Amino acid sequence: MPVFYPPEQEGIVPSDHPPLRQLIHLADGVGGPFEAFLSGAYRQETGTVFPTAIIWYVDNTLTQKIVEKTLSYTGPFPTTITWTVYNTDGSTVLAVATDTIVYSGPFEISRTRALTDYSISTGELTIDEHKVLRQLIHLTDGVGGPMEGFTSGAYREITPTGNPFPTAVIWYDDATKTKKIVEKALTYNANKTINTLQWKVYDTDGVTVLATVTDTMAYSSVFETSRTRTIV
C-alpha cells in the first residue's frame, strides 16, 4: 500500500522511498508508478497524434489519479507541458510543474519551469530534503532538471541553437544562466551517432560539480551494441 508520512515520523528508510508521490519520481521518462504502488495502475491518453493529456490512475475505474501530464500546442509543437502529481486520495494535488517552451523553427532552444509545491515535510531525512538532493538519480533524463522543492523559474537551454545534433542541454537556476543545476553534454561520431554522453550535477553554488557520469557507446553500423559507464 502507499505510505503516509505523519508529522512525528523520523526520516525515511529505503522501503519508504519508492512510493513517494513526487514529480521527481513520477514524471516523464517512463512515468507513472513502479514498486511499492498497487498493481493494476492504468494509463489513459487523450488527443490524436498530438496528445493533450496523459494520466496514470490507480486502476481502470479512473476515480483516483496518480500523475497527470497535459500539453498545449502551437502547430505540431508543444508550447506548454504541465505535470501534476496527486496524493493517495487521487484528488489532492501535491505538486505542479509547468514548462513553457521556446523554439527556433522546429528546434527547442529553451524552456522555463514554474513550480508549485503543496506537500509537507517530515522527519530527519525529510521528504522536503529528499526533493532537493542534487543527485543524478533525480536530475538526469526523462524530463530531467528540478521538480518540487526547487525554486520556480528554472531555465533549460539547448545548444547549438537550431541544430538537430545538440552538444549541450543545461538546466540553470533561472534565465540569467549564472548557476547550473544539471548539464548534459554530447559528442558525435562522423556518422552522427553519439560517441559520448555525459551528465554533470552541480551544487547549490551552480559551479561545484557533485557528480559526473560518462557513457561511451559502441556500435555495429548505426546500431548501438553496448555502452560503458564511468562514474566520478
C-alpha atoms as a PDB file:
ATOM      1  CA  MET A   1       0.000   0.000   0.000  1.00  0.00           C
ATOM      2  CA  PRO A   2       1.162   3.602  -0.500  1.00  0.00           C
ATOM      3  CA  VAL A   3       2.757   5.084   2.595  1.00  0.00           C
ATOM      4  CA  PHE A   4       1.562   8.114   4.567  1.00  0.00           C
ATOM      5  CA  TYR A   5       4.083  10.237   6.474  1.00  0.00           C
ATOM      6  CA  PRO A   6       2.737  11.547   9.787  1.00  0.00           C
ATOM      7  CA  PRO A   7       4.464  14.652  11.164  1.00  0.00           C
ATOM      8  CA  GLU A   8       6.112  12.727  14.001  1.00  0.00           C
ATOM      9  CA  GLN A   9       7.808  10.170  11.729  1.00  0.00           C
ATOM     10  CA  GLU A  10      11.607  10.300  11.848  1.00  0.00           C
ATOM     11  CA  GLY A  11      13.049  10.427   8.358  1.00  0.00           C
ATOM     12  CA  ILE A  12      12.609   7.888   5.576  1.00  0.00           C
ATOM     13  CA  VAL A  13      14.034   4.412   5.121  1.00  0.00           C
ATOM     14  CA  PRO A  14      14.641   2.663   1.776  1.00  0.00           C
ATOM     15  CA  SER A  15      11.228   0.995   1.810  1.00  0.00           C
ATOM     16  CA  ASP A  16       9.610   4.425   2.199  1.00  0.00           C
ATOM     17  CA  HIS A  17      11.381   5.841  -0.836  1.00  0.00           C
ATOM     18  CA  PRO A  18       9.649   4.093  -3.794  1.00  0.00           C
ATOM     19  CA  PRO A  19       6.057   5.242  -3.121  1.00  0.00           C
ATOM     20  CA  LEU A  20       6.873   8.914  -2.531  1.00  0.00           C
ATOM     21  CA  ARG A  21       4.324  10.745  -4.656  1.00  0.00           C
ATOM     22  CA  GLN A  22       6.719  13.283  -6.087  1.00  0.00           C
ATOM     23  CA  LEU A  23       7.145  14.507  -9.637  1.00  0.00           C
ATOM     24  CA  ILE A  24      10.825  13.827  -9.145  1.00  0.00           C
ATOM     25  CA  HIS A  25       9.841  10.151  -9.409  1.00  0.00           C
ATOM     26  CA  LEU A  26       6.641  10.053 -11.412  1.00  0.00           C
ATOM     27  CA  ALA A  27       7.042  12.468 -14.336  1.00  0.00           C
ATOM     28  CA  ASP A  28       8.386  11.565 -17.761  1.00  0.00           C
ATOM     29  CA  GLY A  29      10.865   9.054 -18.687  1.00  0.00           C
ATOM     30  CA  VAL A  30       8.594   6.075 -18.386  1.00  0.00           C
ATOM     31  CA  GLY A  31       6.461   7.957 -15.871  1.00  0.00           C
ATOM     32  CA  GLY A  32       3.878   6.515 -13.567  1.00  0.00           C
ATOM     33  CA  PRO A  33       4.112   4.154 -10.594  1.00  0.00           C
ATOM     34  CA  PHE A  34       6.641   1.415 -10.006  1.00  0.00           C
ATOM     35  CA  GLU A  35       7.449  -0.755  -6.982  1.00  0.00           C
ATOM     36  CA  ALA A  36       5.503  -0.159  -3.751  1.00  0.00           C
ATOM     37  CA  PHE A  37       2.474   1.043  -5.712  1.00  0.00           C
ATOM     38  CA  LEU A  38      -0.532  -1.205  -6.132  1.00  0.00           C
ATOM     39  CA  SER A  39      -0.725  -3.491  -9.154  1.00  0.00           C
ATOM     40  CA  GLY A  40      -3.325  -2.559 -11.735  1.00  0.00           C
ATOM     41  CA  ALA A  41      -2.344   1.070 -12.402  1.00  0.00           C
ATOM     42  CA  TYR A  42      -3.982   2.289 -15.604  1.00  0.00           C
ATOM     43  CA  ARG A  43      -2.768   4.906 -18.091  1.00  0.00           C
ATOM     44  CA  GLN A  44      -5.147   6.839 -20.338  1.00  0.00           C
ATOM     45  CA  GLU A  45      -4.122   9.110 -23.214  1.00  0.00           C
ATOM     46  CA  THR A  46      -6.444  11.652 -24.830  1.00  0.00           C
ATOM     47  CA  GLY A  47      -5.981  13.504 -28.097  1.00  0.00           C
ATOM     48  CA  THR A  48      -4.780  12.386 -31.513  1.00  0.00           C
ATOM     49  CA  VAL A  49      -1.167  12.143 -32.649  1.00  0.00           C
ATOM     50  CA  PHE A  50      -0.742  15.257 -30.509  1.00  0.00           C
ATOM     51  CA  PRO A  51      -1.965  14.089 -27.078  1.00  0.00           C
ATOM     52  CA  THR A  52      -3.371  16.756 -24.782  1.00  0.00           C
ATOM     53  CA  ALA A  53      -3.468  14.638 -21.623  1.00  0.00           C
ATOM     54  CA  ILE A  54      -1.704  11.509 -20.349  1.00  0.00           C
ATOM     55  CA  ILE A  55      -2.983  10.347 -16.951  1.00  0.00           C
ATOM     56  CA  TRP A  56      -1.989   7.460 -14.680  1.00  0.00           C
ATOM     57  CA  TYR A  57      -4.836   6.242 -12.466  1.00  0.00           C
ATOM     58  CA  VAL A  58      -4.778   3.806  -9.550  1.00  0.00           C
ATOM     59  CA  ASP A  59      -6.922   1.407 -11.636  1.00  0.00           C
ATOM     60  CA  ASN A  60      -9.250   1.299 -14.616  1.00  0.00           C
ATOM     61  CA  THR A  61     -12.171   2.803 -12.693  1.00  0.00           C
ATOM     62  CA  LEU A  62     -10.468   6.170 -13.407  1.00  0.00           C
ATOM     63  CA  THR A  63     -11.501   7.506  -9.992  1.00  0.00           C
ATOM     64  CA  GLN A  64      -8.063   8.183  -8.435  1.00  0.00           C
ATOM     65  CA  LYS A  65      -5.251   9.928 -10.286  1.00  0.00           C
ATOM     66  CA  ILE A  66      -1.563   9.313  -9.601  1.00  0.00           C
ATOM     67  CA  VAL A  67       0.123  11.676 -12.055  1.00  0.00           C
ATOM     68  CA  GLU A  68      -1.169  13.756 -14.956  1.00  0.00           C
ATOM     69  CA  LYS A  69       0.596  15.346 -17.924  1.00  0.00           C
ATOM     70  CA  THR A  70      -1.190  17.954 -20.052  1.00  0.00           C
ATOM     71  CA  LEU A  71       0.089  19.632 -23.202  1.00  0.00           C
ATOM     72  CA  SER A  72      -0.816  22.636 -25.350  1.00  0.00           C
ATOM     73  CA  TYR A  73       0.488  23.153 -28.870  1.00  0.00           C
ATOM     74  CA  THR A  74       1.328  25.754 -31.474  1.00  0.00           C
ATOM     75  CA  GLY A  75       1.040  23.766 -34.676  1.00  0.00           C
ATOM     76  CA  PRO A  76       2.747  20.425 -34.028  1.00  0.00           C
ATOM     77  CA  PHE A  77       4.987  21.762 -31.262  1.00  0.00           C
ATOM     78  CA  PRO A  78       4.164  21.571 -27.535  1.00  0.00           C
ATOM     79  CA  THR A  79       4.452  25.082 -26.104  1.00  0.00           C
ATOM     80  CA  THR A  80       3.417  24.247 -22.543  1.00  0.00           C
ATOM     81  CA  ILE A  81       3.705  20.962 -20.662  1.00  0.00           C
ATOM     82  CA  THR A  82       2.229  20.629 -17.184  1.00  0.00           C
ATOM     83  CA  TRP A  83       2.740  17.740 -14.764  1.00  0.00           C
ATOM     84  CA  THR A  84       0.526  17.325 -11.704  1.00  0.00           C
ATOM     85  CA  VAL A  85       1.092  14.698  -9.010  1.00  0.00           C
ATOM     86  CA  TYR A  86      -1.705  13.629  -6.662  1.00  0.00           C
ATOM     87  CA  ASN A  87      -1.871  12.364  -3.090  1.00  0.00           C
ATOM     88  CA  THR A  88      -3.077   8.849  -2.266  1.00  0.00           C
ATOM     89  CA  ASP A  89      -6.700  10.044  -2.268  1.00  0.00           C
ATOM     90  CA  GLY A  90      -6.310  10.546  -6.018  1.00  0.00           C
ATOM     91  CA  SER A  91      -7.594  14.110  -5.989  1.00  0.00           C
ATOM     92  CA  THR A  92      -5.451  16.258  -3.676  1.00  0.00           C
ATOM     93  CA  VAL A  93      -2.665  17.939  -5.643  1.00  0.00           C
ATOM     94  CA  LEU A  94       0.808  17.646  -4.109  1.00  0.00           C
ATOM     95  CA  ALA A  95       2.850  19.486  -6.740  1.00  0.00           C
ATOM     96  CA  VAL A  96       2.615  21.058 -10.187  1.00  0.00           C
ATOM     97  CA  ALA A  97       5.369  21.788 -12.693  1.00  0.00           C
ATOM     98  CA  THR A  98       4.774  23.747 -15.911  1.00  0.00           C
ATOM     99  CA  ASP A  99       7.346  24.118 -18.677  1.00  0.00           C
ATOM    100  CA  THR A 100       6.970  26.929 -21.224  1.00  0.00           C
ATOM    101  CA  ILE A 101       8.989  26.141 -24.349  1.00  0.00           C
ATOM    102  CA  VAL A 102      10.618  28.424 -26.945  1.00  0.00           C
ATOM    103  CA  TYR A 103      11.603  27.245 -30.433  1.00  0.00           C
ATOM    104  CA  SER A 104      13.772  28.302 -33.332  1.00  0.00           C
ATOM    105  CA  GLY A 105      11.901  26.791 -36.258  1.00  0.00           C
ATOM    106  CA  PRO A 106      11.286  23.167 -35.238  1.00  0.00           C
ATOM    107  CA  PHE A 107      14.132  23.130 -32.696  1.00  0.00           C
ATOM    108  CA  GLU A 108      13.648  23.774 -28.996  1.00  0.00           C
ATOM    109  CA  ILE A 109      16.114  26.370 -27.742  1.00  0.00           C
ATOM    110  CA  SER A 110      14.945  26.931 -24.159  1.00  0.00           C
ATOM    111  CA  ARG A 111      12.268  26.259 -21.585  1.00  0.00           C
ATOM    112  CA  THR A 112      11.319  27.895 -18.280  1.00  0.00           C
ATOM    113  CA  ARG A 113       9.874  25.832 -15.425  1.00  0.00           C
ATOM    114  CA  ALA A 114       7.315  27.103 -12.899  1.00  0.00           C
ATOM    115  CA  LEU A 115       6.904  25.006  -9.744  1.00  0.00           C
ATOM    116  CA  THR A 116       4.204  24.867  -7.100  1.00  0.00           C
ATOM    117  CA  ASP A 117       4.650  22.512  -4.147  1.00  0.00           C
ATOM    118  CA  TYR A 118       1.843  21.764  -1.705  1.00  0.00           C
ATOM    119  CA  SER A 119       3.309  18.783   0.143  1.00  0.00           C
ATOM    120  CA  ILE A 120       4.612  18.794   3.724  1.00  0.00           C
ATOM    121  CA  SER A 121       7.930  17.697   5.181  1.00  0.00           C
ATOM    122  CA  THR A 122       8.628  15.231   7.956  1.00  0.00           C
ATOM    123  CA  GLY A 123      11.448  13.677   9.869  1.00  0.00           C
ATOM    124  CA  GLU A 124      15.212  13.507   9.774  1.00  0.00           C
ATOM    125  CA  LEU A 125      15.902  12.939   6.099  1.00  0.00           C
ATOM    126  CA  THR A 126      12.655  14.699   5.372  1.00  0.00           C
ATOM    127  CA  ILE A 127      10.535  14.488   2.268  1.00  0.00           C
ATOM    128  CA  ASP A 128      11.467  18.103   1.572  1.00  0.00           C
ATOM    129  CA  GLU A 129      15.176  17.338   1.961  1.00  0.00           C
ATOM    130  CA  HIS A 130      14.803  14.400  -0.367  1.00  0.00           C
ATOM    131  CA  LYS A 131      13.349  16.583  -3.129  1.00  0.00           C
ATOM    132  CA  VAL A 132      16.259  18.983  -3.275  1.00  0.00           C
ATOM    133  CA  LEU A 133      19.014  16.360  -3.250  1.00  0.00           C
ATOM    134  CA  ARG A 134      21.238  17.310  -6.160  1.00  0.00           C
ATOM    135  CA  GLN A 135      21.771  13.785  -7.409  1.00  0.00           C
ATOM    136  CA  LEU A 136      21.955  12.469 -10.938  1.00  0.00           C
ATOM    137  CA  ILE A 137      19.475   9.770  -9.911  1.00  0.00           C
ATOM    138  CA  HIS A 138      16.910  12.589  -9.690  1.00  0.00           C
ATOM    139  CA  LEU A 139      18.036  15.150 -12.215  1.00  0.00           C
ATOM    140  CA  THR A 140      19.075  13.289 -15.375  1.00  0.00           C
ATOM    141  CA  ASP A 141      16.998  12.278 -18.344  1.00  0.00           C
ATOM    142  CA  GLY A 142      13.382  11.700 -18.525  1.00  0.00           C
ATOM    143  CA  VAL A 143      12.177  15.225 -18.136  1.00  0.00           C
ATOM    144  CA  GLY A 144      15.346  15.949 -16.206  1.00  0.00           C
ATOM    145  CA  GLY A 145      16.025  19.029 -14.150  1.00  0.00           C
ATOM    146  CA  PRO A 146      14.427  20.300 -10.972  1.00  0.00           C
ATOM    147  CA  MET A 147      10.960  19.426  -9.762  1.00  0.00           C
ATOM    148  CA  GLU A 148       9.203  20.227  -6.476  1.00  0.00           C
ATOM    149  CA  GLY A 149      11.423  21.525  -3.678  1.00  0.00           C
ATOM    150  CA  PHE A 150      13.445  23.687  -6.089  1.00  0.00           C
ATOM    151  CA  THR A 151      12.847  27.372  -6.787  1.00  0.00           C
ATOM    152  CA  SER A 152      10.388  28.209  -9.562  1.00  0.00           C
ATOM    153  CA  GLY A 153      11.855  29.777 -12.706  1.00  0.00           C
ATOM    154  CA  ALA A 154      14.435  27.122 -13.626  1.00  0.00           C
ATOM    155  CA  TYR A 155      15.573  27.577 -17.229  1.00  0.00           C
ATOM    156  CA  ARG A 156      16.723  24.960 -19.753  1.00  0.00           C
ATOM    157  CA  GLU A 157      18.855  25.775 -22.779  1.00  0.00           C
ATOM    158  CA  ILE A 158      19.834  23.574 -25.729  1.00  0.00           C
ATOM    159  CA  THR A 159      22.903  24.464 -27.802  1.00  0.00           C
ATOM    160  CA  PRO A 160      23.793  24.969 -30.540  1.00  0.00           C
ATOM    161  CA  THR A 161      20.544  26.683 -31.475  1.00  0.00           C
ATOM    162  CA  GLY A 162      18.571  25.177 -34.334  1.00  0.00           C
ATOM    163  CA  ASN A 163      20.804  22.110 -34.684  1.00  0.00           C
ATOM    164  CA  PRO A 164      19.435  18.555 -34.819  1.00  0.00           C
ATOM    165  CA  PHE A 165      22.578  17.335 -33.054  1.00  0.00           C
ATOM    166  CA  PRO A 166      22.804  19.279 -29.781  1.00  0.00           C
ATOM    167  CA  THR A 167      26.074  19.255 -27.882  1.00  0.00           C
ATOM    168  CA  ALA A 168      24.744  20.605 -24.566  1.00  0.00           C
ATOM    169  CA  VAL A 169      21.458  20.591 -22.647  1.00  0.00           C
ATOM    170  CA  ILE A 170      21.715  22.609 -19.419  1.00  0.00           C
ATOM    171  CA  TRP A 171      19.252  23.409 -16.642  1.00  0.00           C
ATOM    172  CA  TYR A 172      20.022  26.686 -14.817  1.00  0.00           C
ATOM    173  CA  ASP A 173      18.508  28.191 -11.661  1.00  0.00           C
ATOM    174  CA  ASP A 174      16.951  30.896 -13.844  1.00  0.00           C
ATOM    175  CA  ALA A 175      17.246  32.692 -17.173  1.00  0.00           C
ATOM    176  CA  THR A 176      20.341  34.642 -16.066  1.00  0.00           C
ATOM    177  CA  LYS A 177      22.247  31.362 -16.587  1.00  0.00           C
ATOM    178  CA  THR A 178      24.674  32.096 -13.765  1.00  0.00           C
ATOM    179  CA  LYS A 179      24.092  28.874 -11.784  1.00  0.00           C
ATOM    180  CA  LYS A 180      23.896  25.420 -13.327  1.00  0.00           C
ATOM    181  CA  ILE A 181      21.759  22.622 -11.879  1.00  0.00           C
ATOM    182  CA  VAL A 182      22.463  19.750 -14.259  1.00  0.00           C
ATOM    183  CA  GLU A 183      24.281  19.569 -17.574  1.00  0.00           C
ATOM    184  CA  LYS A 184      24.186  17.012 -20.372  1.00  0.00           C
ATOM    185  CA  ALA A 185      26.997  17.063 -22.948  1.00  0.00           C
ATOM    186  CA  LEU A 186      27.162  15.019 -26.154  1.00  0.00           C
ATOM    187  CA  THR A 187      29.892  14.239 -28.659  1.00  0.00           C
ATOM    188  CA  TYR A 188      29.287  12.564 -32.021  1.00  0.00           C
ATOM    189  CA  ASN A 189      30.991  10.210 -34.410  1.00  0.00           C
ATOM    190  CA  ALA A 190      31.462  11.139 -38.069  1.00  0.00           C
ATOM    191  CA  ASN A 191      28.183   9.388 -38.955  1.00  0.00           C
ATOM    192  CA  LYS A 192      26.377  11.438 -36.256  1.00  0.00           C
ATOM    193  CA  THR A 193      25.866   8.553 -33.855  1.00  0.00           C
ATOM    194  CA  ILE A 194      26.554   9.569 -30.262  1.00  0.00           C
ATOM    195  CA  ASN A 195      30.108   8.858 -29.162  1.00  0.00           C
ATOM    196  CA  THR A 196      29.936  10.022 -25.539  1.00  0.00           C
ATOM    197  CA  LEU A 197      27.082  11.175 -23.348  1.00  0.00           C
ATOM    198  CA  GLN A 198      27.982  12.946 -20.111  1.00  0.00           C
ATOM    199  CA  TRP A 199      25.881  14.265 -17.230  1.00  0.00           C
ATOM    200  CA  LYS A 200      27.125  16.593 -14.506  1.00  0.00           C
ATOM    201  CA  VAL A 201      25.150  17.683 -11.476  1.00  0.00           C
ATOM    202  CA  TYR A 202      26.101  20.891  -9.650  1.00  0.00           C
ATOM    203  CA  ASP A 203      25.969  22.005  -6.027  1.00  0.00           C
ATOM    204  CA  THR A 204      23.770  24.925  -4.975  1.00  0.00           C
ATOM    205  CA  ASP A 205      26.524  27.399  -5.904  1.00  0.00           C
ATOM    206  CA  GLY A 206      25.906  26.400  -9.514  1.00  0.00           C
ATOM    207  CA  VAL A 207      29.613  25.845 -10.126  1.00  0.00           C
ATOM    208  CA  THR A 208      30.872  22.971  -7.958  1.00  0.00           C
ATOM    209  CA  VAL A 209      30.392  19.597  -9.640  1.00  0.00           C
ATOM    210  CA  LEU A 210      28.945  16.971  -7.290  1.00  0.00           C
ATOM    211  CA  ALA A 211      28.950  14.005  -9.657  1.00  0.00           C
ATOM    212  CA  THR A 212      29.812  13.148 -13.243  1.00  0.00           C
ATOM    213  CA  VAL A 213      28.609  10.180 -15.278  1.00  0.00           C
ATOM    214  CA  THR A 214      30.004   9.464 -18.745  1.00  0.00           C
ATOM    215  CA  ASP A 215      28.679   6.831 -21.159  1.00  0.00           C
ATOM    216  CA  THR A 216      30.875   5.723 -24.058  1.00  0.00           C
ATOM    217  CA  MET A 217      28.993   3.945 -26.838  1.00  0.00           C
ATOM    218  CA  ALA A 218      29.958   1.153 -29.226  1.00  0.00           C
ATOM    219  CA  TYR A 219      28.092   0.485 -32.477  1.00  0.00           C
ATOM    220  CA  SER A 220      27.569  -2.015 -35.219  1.00  0.00           C
ATOM    221  CA  SER A 221      26.958   0.309 -38.147  1.00  0.00           C
ATOM    222  CA  VAL A 222      24.451   2.840 -36.727  1.00  0.00           C
ATOM    223  CA  PHE A 223      23.057   0.480 -34.073  1.00  0.00           C
ATOM    224  CA  GLU A 224      24.308   0.770 -30.509  1.00  0.00           C
ATOM    225  CA  THR A 225      25.633  -2.564 -29.230  1.00  0.00           C
ATOM    226  CA  SER A 226      26.968  -1.557 -25.821  1.00  0.00           C
ATOM    227  CA  ARG A 227      27.952   1.329 -23.608  1.00  0.00           C
ATOM    228  CA  THR A 228      30.417   1.678 -20.756  1.00  0.00           C
ATOM    229  CA  ARG A 229      29.602   3.974 -17.858  1.00  0.00           C
ATOM    230  CA  THR A 230      32.182   5.860 -15.811  1.00  0.00           C
ATOM    231  CA  ILE A 231      31.003   7.417 -12.531  1.00  0.00           C
ATOM    232  CA  VAL A 232      33.043  10.056 -10.682  1.00  0.00           C
END
